[in-house]
Amino acid sequence: MATVALIDLTADEYAGLRPDLVSGYAQSMAANYGIPPAEAHAEAERQTAALLPDGVDTPGQLLRKGMVDDVEVGLLWIALSGAPYPAMAWVYEIEVRPEHRSRGYGSAMLLAGEADLADRGVRRVGLHVFGANTGARRLYRRLGYRMLAQLRGRSVAPAGSPVTLVPMTQAEYEHRLDHLIATDPAALTRDPLSPPSRARDVATVLAPQGVAGDNVLLCHAVAGGRPVGWIWLSLPGAQRPDTGTIHYLTIDEPWRRRGHGRALLAAAEAEYARRGVPRMGLWIAASSPGAEQFTDRLGLEVSSEHMVKDL
């Protein structure tokens, strides 16, 4: 494999690379999430500014160029503590210049970055890859990465459902949330190694006002006049302005294996259609048994994947 040295970017080098960094991320969001180009660019700009407020001097951010002898071949950006998963480092960008691709430089840069993290005492690293980038997903798996969580999605095409959605009270939501954190916190953190307290932090971010939030729907799943489970939906936001996101759904144990899960998803799809939301997404975690098979059967394709590797 090629040998690549990683050299810290200077402030001037970052300033020159930043427009392409933002533009590339915007193009990926537009292609994978169906976001209009102008909105995608604005969101890419917002996220980059939030993550790198001081450019190369932002604490905890490692911005390096990959060098082969005296030739610059690419860029690697790693955060020592990533926003999605604070307990691990996070690869935000790995890019090989077009004229240097298909020579193993991407793999070499990533492995060099991992070695540096290990020297710093970091034991896990994660990254994000868009679902349509199947080549990159295969490459990361060859390099030892495994699926941590996926956002599955499809266009909304509502049909009838025997399950209805009934809004929860705040007390009912808090009871459900307490039980979820006690029994399956990884369903919210999407990381089985995160402490349960992290799940409550995630819940606070997703539903800061509980059931009163304008962008959140927390509902019982009711079939045949009785509650059989519950679901947590969000309406579109800045990151995915045309996609409603299902953060969690479950059927209670006495009512499983009766088709209620499929019916609950159909009820959510109908609710999104009623509100004029054109796409829906469902987060699944690797720690949830059968989640991939369930979403495969329902035609939900991978829109986004989070992957992890132990160092």
C-alpha atoms as a PDB file:
ATOM      1  CA  MET A   1       0.000   0.000   0.000  1.00  0.00           C
ATOM      2  CA  ALA A   2       1.129   3.544  -0.727  1.00  0.00           C
ATOM      3  CA  THR A   3       2.871   5.514   2.023  1.00  0.00           C
ATOM      4  CA  VAL A   4       1.302   8.893   2.740  1.00  0.00           C
ATOM      5  CA  ALA A   5       2.529  11.451   5.273  1.00  0.00           C
ATOM      6  CA  LEU A   6      -0.004  13.678   7.024  1.00  0.00           C
ATOM      7  CA  ILE A   7       0.967  17.334   7.413  1.00  0.00           C
ATOM      8  CA  ASP A   8      -1.082  19.929   9.295  1.00  0.00           C
ATOM      9  CA  LEU A   9      -2.802  22.467   7.078  1.00  0.00           C
ATOM     10  CA  THR A  10      -1.865  26.109   7.486  1.00  0.00           C
ATOM     11  CA  ALA A  11      -4.569  28.746   7.904  1.00  0.00           C
ATOM     12  CA  ASP A  12      -3.998  29.936   4.345  1.00  0.00           C
ATOM     13  CA  GLU A  13      -4.227  26.400   2.956  1.00  0.00           C
ATOM     14  CA  TYR A  14      -7.490  25.828   4.797  1.00  0.00           C
ATOM     15  CA  ALA A  15      -8.908  29.109   3.516  1.00  0.00           C
ATOM     16  CA  GLY A  16      -8.127  27.985  -0.019  1.00  0.00           C
ATOM     17  CA  LEU A  17      -9.658  24.525   0.478  1.00  0.00           C
ATOM     18  CA  ARG A  18     -12.757  25.588   2.400  1.00  0.00           C
ATOM     19  CA  PRO A  19     -14.955  26.544  -0.608  1.00  0.00           C
ATOM     20  CA  ASP A  20     -14.415  23.119  -2.184  1.00  0.00           C
ATOM     21  CA  LEU A  21     -14.996  21.411   1.169  1.00  0.00           C
ATOM     22  CA  VAL A  22     -18.361  23.139   1.569  1.00  0.00           C
ATOM     23  CA  SER A  23     -19.308  22.661  -2.085  1.00  0.00           C
ATOM     24  CA  GLY A  24     -18.517  18.939  -2.057  1.00  0.00           C
ATOM     25  CA  TYR A  25     -20.586  18.324   1.055  1.00  0.00           C
ATOM     26  CA  ALA A  26     -23.466  20.358  -0.377  1.00  0.00           C
ATOM     27  CA  GLN A  27     -23.432  18.328  -3.578  1.00  0.00           C
ATOM     28  CA  SER A  28     -23.548  15.080  -1.593  1.00  0.00           C
ATOM     29  CA  MET A  29     -26.479  16.296   0.506  1.00  0.00           C
ATOM     30  CA  ALA A  30     -28.372  17.423  -2.581  1.00  0.00           C
ATOM     31  CA  ALA A  31     -27.767  14.100  -4.348  1.00  0.00           C
ATOM     32  CA  ASN A  32     -28.570  11.851  -1.365  1.00  0.00           C
ATOM     33  CA  TYR A  33     -31.269  13.780   0.485  1.00  0.00           C
ATOM     34  CA  GLY A  34     -32.979  15.541  -2.416  1.00  0.00           C
ATOM     35  CA  ILE A  35     -32.234  18.975  -0.968  1.00  0.00           C
ATOM     36  CA  PRO A  36     -32.314  21.890  -3.452  1.00  0.00           C
ATOM     37  CA  PRO A  37     -28.726  22.948  -4.246  1.00  0.00           C
ATOM     38  CA  ALA A  38     -29.004  26.406  -2.703  1.00  0.00           C
ATOM     39  CA  GLU A  39     -30.425  25.013   0.544  1.00  0.00           C
ATOM     40  CA  ALA A  40     -27.818  22.251   0.598  1.00  0.00           C
ATOM     41  CA  HIS A  41     -25.028  24.798   0.204  1.00  0.00           C
ATOM     42  CA  ALA A  42     -26.410  26.952   3.013  1.00  0.00           C
ATOM     43  CA  GLU A  43     -26.656  23.928   5.324  1.00  0.00           C
ATOM     44  CA  ALA A  44     -23.133  22.759   4.413  1.00  0.00           C
ATOM     45  CA  GLU A  45     -21.848  26.255   5.146  1.00  0.00           C
ATOM     46  CA  ARG A  46     -23.680  26.338   8.487  1.00  0.00           C
ATOM     47  CA  GLN A  47     -22.339  22.955   9.609  1.00  0.00           C
ATOM     48  CA  THR A  48     -18.771  23.744   8.569  1.00  0.00           C
ATOM     49  CA  ALA A  49     -18.822  27.058  10.403  1.00  0.00           C
ATOM     50  CA  ALA A  50     -20.209  25.375  13.527  1.00  0.00           C
ATOM     51  CA  LEU A  51     -17.576  22.630  13.491  1.00  0.00           C
ATOM     52  CA  LEU A  52     -14.600  24.815  12.564  1.00  0.00           C
ATOM     53  CA  PRO A  53     -15.273  28.262  14.041  1.00  0.00           C
ATOM     54  CA  ASP A  54     -11.532  28.952  14.279  1.00  0.00           C
ATOM     55  CA  GLY A  55     -10.456  27.044  11.191  1.00  0.00           C
ATOM     56  CA  VAL A  56      -7.268  25.047  11.715  1.00  0.00           C
ATOM     57  CA  ASP A  57      -6.982  26.485  15.239  1.00  0.00           C
ATOM     58  CA  THR A  58     -10.286  24.981  16.395  1.00  0.00           C
ATOM     59  CA  PRO A  59      -9.495  22.807  19.447  1.00  0.00           C
ATOM     60  CA  GLY A  60      -9.794  19.073  18.878  1.00  0.00           C
ATOM     61  CA  GLN A  61      -9.902  19.316  15.080  1.00  0.00           C
ATOM     62  CA  LEU A  62      -7.116  17.747  13.004  1.00  0.00           C
ATOM     63  CA  LEU A  63      -6.933  19.104   9.457  1.00  0.00           C
ATOM     64  CA  ARG A  64      -4.147  17.503   7.426  1.00  0.00           C
ATOM     65  CA  LYS A  65      -3.021  17.225   3.863  1.00  0.00           C
ATOM     66  CA  GLY A  66      -1.785  13.894   2.550  1.00  0.00           C
ATOM     67  CA  MET A  67       1.697  14.106   1.037  1.00  0.00           C
ATOM     68  CA  VAL A  68       3.537  11.599  -1.149  1.00  0.00           C
ATOM     69  CA  ASP A  69       7.093  12.902  -1.259  1.00  0.00           C
ATOM     70  CA  ASP A  70       6.497  16.569  -2.150  1.00  0.00           C
ATOM     71  CA  VAL A  71       3.140  16.038  -3.902  1.00  0.00           C
ATOM     72  CA  GLU A  72      -0.124  16.871  -2.143  1.00  0.00           C
ATOM     73  CA  VAL A  73      -2.615  14.077  -2.861  1.00  0.00           C
ATOM     74  CA  GLY A  74      -5.570  14.721  -0.566  1.00  0.00           C
ATOM     75  CA  LEU A  75      -7.197  15.975   2.618  1.00  0.00           C
ATOM     76  CA  LEU A  76      -8.053  14.276   5.922  1.00  0.00           C
ATOM     77  CA  TRP A  77     -10.172  15.943   8.623  1.00  0.00           C
ATOM     78  CA  ILE A  78     -10.642  14.149  11.938  1.00  0.00           C
ATOM     79  CA  ALA A  79     -12.206  15.435  15.153  1.00  0.00           C
ATOM     80  CA  LEU A  80     -10.850  13.975  18.377  1.00  0.00           C
ATOM     81  CA  SER A  81     -14.409  13.901  19.717  1.00  0.00           C
ATOM     82  CA  GLY A  82     -17.125  13.778  17.104  1.00  0.00           C
ATOM     83  CA  ALA A  83     -20.469  15.519  17.524  1.00  0.00           C
ATOM     84  CA  PRO A  84     -22.530  12.426  16.657  1.00  0.00           C
ATOM     85  CA  TYR A  85     -20.692  10.222  19.164  1.00  0.00           C
ATOM     86  CA  PRO A  86     -18.649  12.052  21.806  1.00  0.00           C
ATOM     87  CA  ALA A  87     -16.990   8.827  22.972  1.00  0.00           C
ATOM     88  CA  MET A  88     -15.024   8.379  19.745  1.00  0.00           C
ATOM     89  CA  ALA A  89     -13.003  10.307  17.201  1.00  0.00           C
ATOM     90  CA  TRP A  90     -14.851  11.181  14.002  1.00  0.00           C
ATOM     91  CA  VAL A  91     -13.650  11.374  10.395  1.00  0.00           C
ATOM     92  CA  TYR A  92     -15.452  14.333   8.852  1.00  0.00           C
ATOM     93  CA  GLU A  93     -13.701  14.343   5.502  1.00  0.00           C
ATOM     94  CA  ILE A  94     -11.346  12.203   3.468  1.00  0.00           C
ATOM     95  CA  GLU A  95     -10.769  13.351  -0.073  1.00  0.00           C
ATOM     96  CA  VAL A  96      -8.208  12.343  -2.683  1.00  0.00           C
ATOM     97  CA  ARG A  97      -7.554  14.771  -5.505  1.00  0.00           C
ATOM     98  CA  PRO A  98      -9.040  13.502  -8.791  1.00  0.00           C
ATOM     99  CA  GLU A  99      -5.684  13.168 -10.531  1.00  0.00           C
ATOM    100  CA  HIS A 100      -4.348  10.924  -7.725  1.00  0.00           C
ATOM    101  CA  ARG A 101      -7.271   8.545  -7.283  1.00  0.00           C
ATOM    102  CA  SER A 102      -7.195   4.726  -7.680  1.00  0.00           C
ATOM    103  CA  ARG A 103      -3.687   4.508  -6.223  1.00  0.00           C
ATOM    104  CA  GLY A 104      -4.552   3.547  -2.641  1.00  0.00           C
ATOM    105  CA  TYR A 105      -3.936   7.021  -1.235  1.00  0.00           C
ATOM    106  CA  GLY A 106      -7.340   7.262   0.451  1.00  0.00           C
ATOM    107  CA  SER A 107      -6.791   4.055   2.387  1.00  0.00           C
ATOM    108  CA  ALA A 108      -3.253   5.090   3.242  1.00  0.00           C
ATOM    109  CA  MET A 109      -4.370   8.483   4.576  1.00  0.00           C
ATOM    110  CA  LEU A 110      -7.084   6.907   6.687  1.00  0.00           C
ATOM    111  CA  LEU A 111      -4.747   4.284   8.130  1.00  0.00           C
ATOM    112  CA  ALA A 112      -2.160   6.975   8.924  1.00  0.00           C
ATOM    113  CA  GLY A 113      -4.862   8.991  10.672  1.00  0.00           C
ATOM    114  CA  GLU A 114      -5.929   5.944  12.675  1.00  0.00           C
ATOM    115  CA  ALA A 115      -2.334   5.277  13.731  1.00  0.00           C
ATOM    116  CA  ASP A 116      -2.038   8.865  14.958  1.00  0.00           C
ATOM    117  CA  LEU A 117      -5.272   8.497  16.943  1.00  0.00           C
ATOM    118  CA  ALA A 118      -4.027   5.278  18.534  1.00  0.00           C
ATOM    119  CA  ASP A 119      -0.820   7.070  19.559  1.00  0.00           C
ATOM    120  CA  ARG A 120      -3.018   9.697  21.248  1.00  0.00           C
ATOM    121  CA  GLY A 121      -4.831   7.011  23.224  1.00  0.00           C
ATOM    122  CA  VAL A 122      -8.003   7.070  21.139  1.00  0.00           C
ATOM    123  CA  ARG A 123      -9.590   3.631  20.988  1.00  0.00           C
ATOM    124  CA  ARG A 124     -12.466   4.093  18.522  1.00  0.00           C
ATOM    125  CA  VAL A 125     -13.042   6.100  15.377  1.00  0.00           C
ATOM    126  CA  GLY A 126     -16.209   6.588  13.384  1.00  0.00           C
ATOM    127  CA  LEU A 127     -17.211   8.088  10.079  1.00  0.00           C
ATOM    128  CA  HIS A 128     -20.231   8.872   7.940  1.00  0.00           C
ATOM    129  CA  VAL A 129     -20.797   7.771   4.359  1.00  0.00           C
ATOM    130  CA  PHE A 130     -23.750   8.480   2.106  1.00  0.00           C
ATOM    131  CA  GLY A 131     -25.721   5.405   1.126  1.00  0.00           C
ATOM    132  CA  ALA A 132     -25.282   5.922  -2.604  1.00  0.00           C
ATOM    133  CA  ASN A 133     -21.495   5.784  -2.208  1.00  0.00           C
ATOM    134  CA  THR A 134     -21.390   1.994  -2.282  1.00  0.00           C
ATOM    135  CA  GLY A 135     -17.729   1.892  -3.289  1.00  0.00           C
ATOM    136  CA  ALA A 136     -16.659   3.829  -0.201  1.00  0.00           C
ATOM    137  CA  ARG A 137     -18.861   1.672   2.034  1.00  0.00           C
ATOM    138  CA  ARG A 138     -17.188  -1.477   0.682  1.00  0.00           C
ATOM    139  CA  LEU A 139     -13.742   0.075   1.143  1.00  0.00           C
ATOM    140  CA  TYR A 140     -14.393   1.019   4.758  1.00  0.00           C
ATOM    141  CA  ARG A 141     -15.583  -2.479   5.515  1.00  0.00           C
ATOM    142  CA  ARG A 142     -12.384  -3.901   4.033  1.00  0.00           C
ATOM    143  CA  LEU A 143     -10.463  -1.548   6.337  1.00  0.00           C
ATOM    144  CA  GLY A 144     -12.241  -2.933   9.400  1.00  0.00           C
ATOM    145  CA  TYR A 145     -15.179  -0.559   9.828  1.00  0.00           C
ATOM    146  CA  ARG A 146     -18.600  -1.941  10.701  1.00  0.00           C
ATOM    147  CA  MET A 147     -22.079  -0.508  10.636  1.00  0.00           C
ATOM    148  CA  LEU A 148     -23.082   1.427  13.734  1.00  0.00           C
ATOM    149  CA  ALA A 149     -26.312   3.018  12.501  1.00  0.00           C
ATOM    150  CA  GLN A 150     -28.122   3.709   9.256  1.00  0.00           C
ATOM    151  CA  LEU A 151     -30.708   6.172   8.102  1.00  0.00           C
ATOM    152  CA  ARG A 152     -33.024   4.274   5.770  1.00  0.00           C
ATOM    153  CA  GLY A 153     -35.375   6.213   3.515  1.00  0.00           C
ATOM    154  CA  ARG A 154     -37.823   6.279   0.644  1.00  0.00           C
ATOM    155  CA  SER A 155     -40.401   8.519  -0.977  1.00  0.00           C
ATOM    156  CA  VAL A 156     -43.711   8.715   0.843  1.00  0.00           C
ATOM    157  CA  ALA A 157     -46.398   6.564  -0.794  1.00  0.00           C
ATOM    158  CA  PRO A 158     -49.209   6.244   1.751  1.00  0.00           C
ATOM    159  CA  ALA A 159     -51.622   3.339   1.990  1.00  0.00           C
ATOM    160  CA  GLY A 160     -54.214   2.298   4.549  1.00  0.00           C
ATOM    161  CA  SER A 161     -53.136   0.977   7.934  1.00  0.00           C
ATOM    162  CA  PRO A 162     -54.955  -0.796  10.772  1.00  0.00           C
ATOM    163  CA  VAL A 163     -52.764   1.163  13.209  1.00  0.00           C
ATOM    164  CA  THR A 164     -53.644   4.714  14.172  1.00  0.00           C
ATOM    165  CA  LEU A 165     -51.376   7.306  15.806  1.00  0.00           C
ATOM    166  CA  VAL A 166     -52.659   8.826  19.033  1.00  0.00           C
ATOM    167  CA  PRO A 167     -50.628  11.676  20.580  1.00  0.00           C
ATOM    168  CA  MET A 168     -49.130  10.987  24.006  1.00  0.00           C
ATOM    169  CA  THR A 169     -49.411  13.172  27.057  1.00  0.00           C
ATOM    170  CA  GLN A 170     -46.177  14.465  28.552  1.00  0.00           C
ATOM    171  CA  ALA A 171     -46.463  12.005  31.443  1.00  0.00           C
ATOM    172  CA  GLU A 172     -46.959   9.092  29.037  1.00  0.00           C
ATOM    173  CA  TYR A 173     -43.929  10.183  27.003  1.00  0.00           C
ATOM    174  CA  GLU A 174     -41.747  10.465  30.120  1.00  0.00           C
ATOM    175  CA  HIS A 175     -42.827   6.974  31.215  1.00  0.00           C
ATOM    176  CA  ARG A 176     -41.982   5.543  27.775  1.00  0.00           C
ATOM    177  CA  LEU A 177     -38.666   7.395  27.685  1.00  0.00           C
ATOM    178  CA  ASP A 178     -37.645   6.186  31.144  1.00  0.00           C
ATOM    179  CA  HIS A 179     -38.370   2.602  30.100  1.00  0.00           C
ATOM    180  CA  LEU A 180     -36.454   2.988  26.828  1.00  0.00           C
ATOM    181  CA  ILE A 181     -33.392   4.413  28.574  1.00  0.00           C
ATOM    182  CA  ALA A 182     -33.502   1.640  31.176  1.00  0.00           C
ATOM    183  CA  THR A 183     -33.857  -1.200  28.664  1.00  0.00           C
ATOM    184  CA  ASP A 184     -32.407  -0.096  25.314  1.00  0.00           C
ATOM    185  CA  PRO A 185     -30.518   3.234  25.462  1.00  0.00           C
ATOM    186  CA  ALA A 186     -28.577   2.358  22.294  1.00  0.00           C
ATOM    187  CA  ALA A 187     -31.811   2.776  20.341  1.00  0.00           C
ATOM    188  CA  LEU A 188     -31.324   6.527  20.858  1.00  0.00           C
ATOM    189  CA  THR A 189     -27.538   6.815  21.164  1.00  0.00           C
ATOM    190  CA  ARG A 190     -27.049   4.268  18.323  1.00  0.00           C
ATOM    191  CA  ASP A 191     -23.887   3.254  20.165  1.00  0.00           C
ATOM    192  CA  PRO A 192     -23.979   0.376  22.659  1.00  0.00           C
ATOM    193  CA  LEU A 193     -20.824   1.695  24.369  1.00  0.00           C
ATOM    194  CA  SER A 194     -22.340   5.077  25.220  1.00  0.00           C
ATOM    195  CA  PRO A 195     -23.560   5.470  28.830  1.00  0.00           C
ATOM    196  CA  PRO A 196     -27.348   5.441  29.343  1.00  0.00           C
ATOM    197  CA  SER A 197     -27.178   9.092  30.407  1.00  0.00           C
ATOM    198  CA  ARG A 198     -26.219   9.913  26.831  1.00  0.00           C
ATOM    199  CA  ALA A 199     -29.631   8.627  25.689  1.00  0.00           C
ATOM    200  CA  ARG A 200     -31.373  11.235  27.821  1.00  0.00           C
ATOM    201  CA  ASP A 201     -29.122  13.925  26.356  1.00  0.00           C
ATOM    202  CA  VAL A 202     -30.090  12.785  22.855  1.00  0.00           C
ATOM    203  CA  ALA A 203     -33.775  12.821  23.788  1.00  0.00           C
ATOM    204  CA  THR A 204     -33.425  16.384  25.061  1.00  0.00           C
ATOM    205  CA  VAL A 205     -31.897  17.474  21.751  1.00  0.00           C
ATOM    206  CA  LEU A 206     -34.519  15.686  19.655  1.00  0.00           C
ATOM    207  CA  ALA A 207     -37.511  16.762  21.741  1.00  0.00           C
ATOM    208  CA  PRO A 208     -36.474  19.723  23.916  1.00  0.00           C
ATOM    209  CA  GLN A 209     -40.119  20.564  24.677  1.00  0.00           C
ATOM    210  CA  GLY A 210     -41.320  16.994  24.925  1.00  0.00           C
ATOM    211  CA  VAL A 211     -44.752  16.442  23.384  1.00  0.00           C
ATOM    212  CA  ALA A 212     -45.262  20.220  23.072  1.00  0.00           C
ATOM    213  CA  GLY A 213     -42.620  20.645  20.374  1.00  0.00           C
ATOM    214  CA  ASP A 214     -43.858  21.855  16.994  1.00  0.00           C
ATOM    215  CA  ASN A 215     -41.434  19.622  15.101  1.00  0.00           C
ATOM    216  CA  VAL A 216     -41.993  16.415  17.085  1.00  0.00           C
ATOM    217  CA  LEU A 217     -44.751  13.801  17.098  1.00  0.00           C
ATOM    218  CA  LEU A 218     -44.743  11.338  20.006  1.00  0.00           C
ATOM    219  CA  CYS A 219     -47.596   8.899  19.554  1.00  0.00           C
ATOM    220  CA  HIS A 220     -49.105   5.676  20.781  1.00  0.00           C
ATOM    221  CA  ALA A 221     -49.633   3.016  18.128  1.00  0.00           C
ATOM    222  CA  VAL A 222     -53.231   1.874  18.532  1.00  0.00           C
ATOM    223  CA  ALA A 223     -54.687  -1.227  16.860  1.00  0.00           C
ATOM    224  CA  GLY A 224     -58.116  -2.667  17.555  1.00  0.00           C
ATOM    225  CA  GLY A 225     -58.731   0.007  20.163  1.00  0.00           C
ATOM    226  CA  ARG A 226     -55.682  -0.878  22.292  1.00  0.00           C
ATOM    227  CA  PRO A 227     -52.131   0.545  22.457  1.00  0.00           C
ATOM    228  CA  VAL A 228     -49.656  -1.890  20.921  1.00  0.00           C
ATOM    229  CA  GLY A 229     -46.495   0.271  20.839  1.00  0.00           C
ATOM    230  CA  TRP A 230     -45.251   3.774  20.203  1.00  0.00           C
ATOM    231  CA  ILE A 231     -43.371   5.910  17.701  1.00  0.00           C
ATOM    232  CA  TRP A 232     -41.200   9.023  17.718  1.00  0.00           C
ATOM    233  CA  LEU A 233     -41.321  11.135  14.562  1.00  0.00           C
ATOM    234  CA  SER A 234     -39.783  14.458  13.612  1.00  0.00           C
ATOM    235  CA  LEU A 235     -40.873  16.745  10.821  1.00  0.00           C
ATOM    236  CA  PRO A 236     -38.285  17.983   8.289  1.00  0.00           C
ATOM    237  CA  GLY A 237     -35.525  20.246   9.591  1.00  0.00           C
ATOM    238  CA  ALA A 238     -32.613  22.217   8.198  1.00  0.00           C
ATOM    239  CA  GLN A 239     -30.380  19.193   7.563  1.00  0.00           C
ATOM    240  CA  ARG A 240     -33.038  17.308   5.575  1.00  0.00           C
ATOM    241  CA  PRO A 241     -35.741  19.811   4.616  1.00  0.00           C
ATOM    242  CA  ASP A 242     -37.772  17.347   2.546  1.00  0.00           C
ATOM    243  CA  THR A 243     -37.481  14.323   4.878  1.00  0.00           C
ATOM    244  CA  GLY A 244     -39.393  13.430   8.009  1.00  0.00           C
ATOM    245  CA  THR A 245     -37.357  11.265  10.370  1.00  0.00           C
ATOM    246  CA  ILE A 246     -38.526   8.380  12.534  1.00  0.00           C
ATOM    247  CA  HIS A 247     -36.120   8.212  15.440  1.00  0.00           C
ATOM    248  CA  TYR A 248     -37.690   5.249  17.174  1.00  0.00           C
ATOM    249  CA  LEU A 249     -40.593   2.845  16.870  1.00  0.00           C
ATOM    250  CA  THR A 250     -41.464  -0.283  18.769  1.00  0.00           C
ATOM    251  CA  ILE A 251     -44.248  -2.788  19.219  1.00  0.00           C
ATOM    252  CA  ASP A 252     -44.766  -3.954  22.789  1.00  0.00           C
ATOM    253  CA  GLU A 253     -43.864  -7.581  23.452  1.00  0.00           C
ATOM    254  CA  PRO A 254     -47.401  -9.066  23.699  1.00  0.00           C
ATOM    255  CA  TRP A 255     -48.286  -7.713  20.236  1.00  0.00           C
ATOM    256  CA  ARG A 256     -45.173  -8.531  18.233  1.00  0.00           C
ATOM    257  CA  ARG A 257     -45.010 -10.835  15.219  1.00  0.00           C
ATOM    258  CA  ARG A 258     -48.508  -9.835  14.138  1.00  0.00           C
ATOM    259  CA  GLY A 259     -47.615  -7.310  11.418  1.00  0.00           C
ATOM    260  CA  HIS A 260     -48.055  -4.317  13.693  1.00  0.00           C
ATOM    261  CA  GLY A 261     -44.533  -2.997  12.969  1.00  0.00           C
ATOM    262  CA  ARG A 262     -45.203  -2.795   9.253  1.00  0.00           C
ATOM    263  CA  ALA A 263     -48.622  -1.247   9.951  1.00  0.00           C
ATOM    264  CA  LEU A 264     -47.085   1.322  12.318  1.00  0.00           C
ATOM    265  CA  LEU A 265     -44.625   2.414   9.653  1.00  0.00           C
ATOM    266  CA  ALA A 266     -47.510   2.713   7.171  1.00  0.00           C
ATOM    267  CA  ALA A 267     -49.406   4.886   9.653  1.00  0.00           C
ATOM    268  CA  ALA A 268     -46.351   7.137  10.005  1.00  0.00           C
ATOM    269  CA  GLU A 269     -46.085   7.331   6.217  1.00  0.00           C
ATOM    270  CA  ALA A 270     -49.726   8.385   5.991  1.00  0.00           C
ATOM    271  CA  GLU A 271     -49.140  11.087   8.603  1.00  0.00           C
ATOM    272  CA  TYR A 272     -46.196  12.460   6.662  1.00  0.00           C
ATOM    273  CA  ALA A 273     -48.261  12.454   3.478  1.00  0.00           C
ATOM    274  CA  ARG A 274     -51.065  14.328   5.240  1.00  0.00           C
ATOM    275  CA  ARG A 275     -48.541  17.007   6.214  1.00  0.00           C
ATOM    276  CA  GLY A 276     -47.080  17.250   2.712  1.00  0.00           C
ATOM    277  CA  VAL A 277     -43.710  15.660   3.588  1.00  0.00           C
ATOM    278  CA  PRO A 278     -42.354  13.960   0.430  1.00  0.00           C
ATOM    279  CA  ARG A 279     -39.804  11.580   2.005  1.00  0.00           C
ATOM    280  CA  MET A 280     -39.427   9.681   5.230  1.00  0.00           C
ATOM    281  CA  GLY A 281     -36.380   8.253   6.928  1.00  0.00           C
ATOM    282  CA  LEU A 282     -35.959   5.705   9.709  1.00  0.00           C
ATOM    283  CA  TRP A 283     -32.872   5.442  11.905  1.00  0.00           C
ATOM    284  CA  ILE A 284     -31.811   1.917  12.795  1.00  0.00           C
ATOM    285  CA  ALA A 285     -28.960   0.809  15.043  1.00  0.00           C
ATOM    286  CA  ALA A 286     -26.718  -2.192  14.552  1.00  0.00           C
ATOM    287  CA  SER A 287     -27.588  -3.203  18.102  1.00  0.00           C
ATOM    288  CA  SER A 288     -31.290  -3.625  17.204  1.00  0.00           C
ATOM    289  CA  PRO A 289     -31.943  -7.269  16.207  1.00  0.00           C
ATOM    290  CA  GLY A 290     -33.594  -7.680  12.820  1.00  0.00           C
ATOM    291  CA  ALA A 291     -33.675  -3.951  12.016  1.00  0.00           C
ATOM    292  CA  GLU A 292     -31.808  -4.273   8.724  1.00  0.00           C
ATOM    293  CA  GLN A 293     -33.985  -7.156   7.545  1.00  0.00           C
ATOM    294  CA  PHE A 294     -37.151  -5.266   8.549  1.00  0.00           C
ATOM    295  CA  THR A 295     -36.178  -2.164   6.587  1.00  0.00           C
ATOM    296  CA  ASP A 296     -34.999  -4.230   3.610  1.00  0.00           C
ATOM    297  CA  ARG A 297     -38.397  -5.924   3.382  1.00  0.00           C
ATOM    298  CA  LEU A 298     -40.126  -2.536   3.403  1.00  0.00           C
ATOM    299  CA  GLY A 299     -37.996  -1.107   0.612  1.00  0.00           C
ATOM    300  CA  LEU A 300     -36.180   1.451   2.751  1.00  0.00           C
ATOM    301  CA  GLU A 301     -32.798   2.082   1.147  1.00  0.00           C
ATOM    302  CA  VAL A 302     -29.648   3.271   2.914  1.00  0.00           C
ATOM    303  CA  SER A 303     -29.485   7.059   2.738  1.00  0.00           C
ATOM    304  CA  SER A 304     -26.704   7.490   5.251  1.00  0.00           C
ATOM    305  CA  GLU A 305     -24.487   5.167   7.267  1.00  0.00           C
ATOM    306  CA  HIS A 306     -22.420   5.677  10.404  1.00  0.00           C
ATOM    307  CA  MET A 307     -19.539   3.242  10.764  1.00  0.00           C
ATOM    308  CA  VAL A 308     -17.086   2.511  13.571  1.00  0.00           C
ATOM    309  CA  LYS A 309     -13.710   0.857  13.977  1.00  0.00           C
ATOM    310  CA  ASP A 310     -11.876  -0.230  17.128  1.00  0.00           C
ATOM    311  CA  LEU A 311      -8.246   0.886  17.150  1.00  0.00           C
END
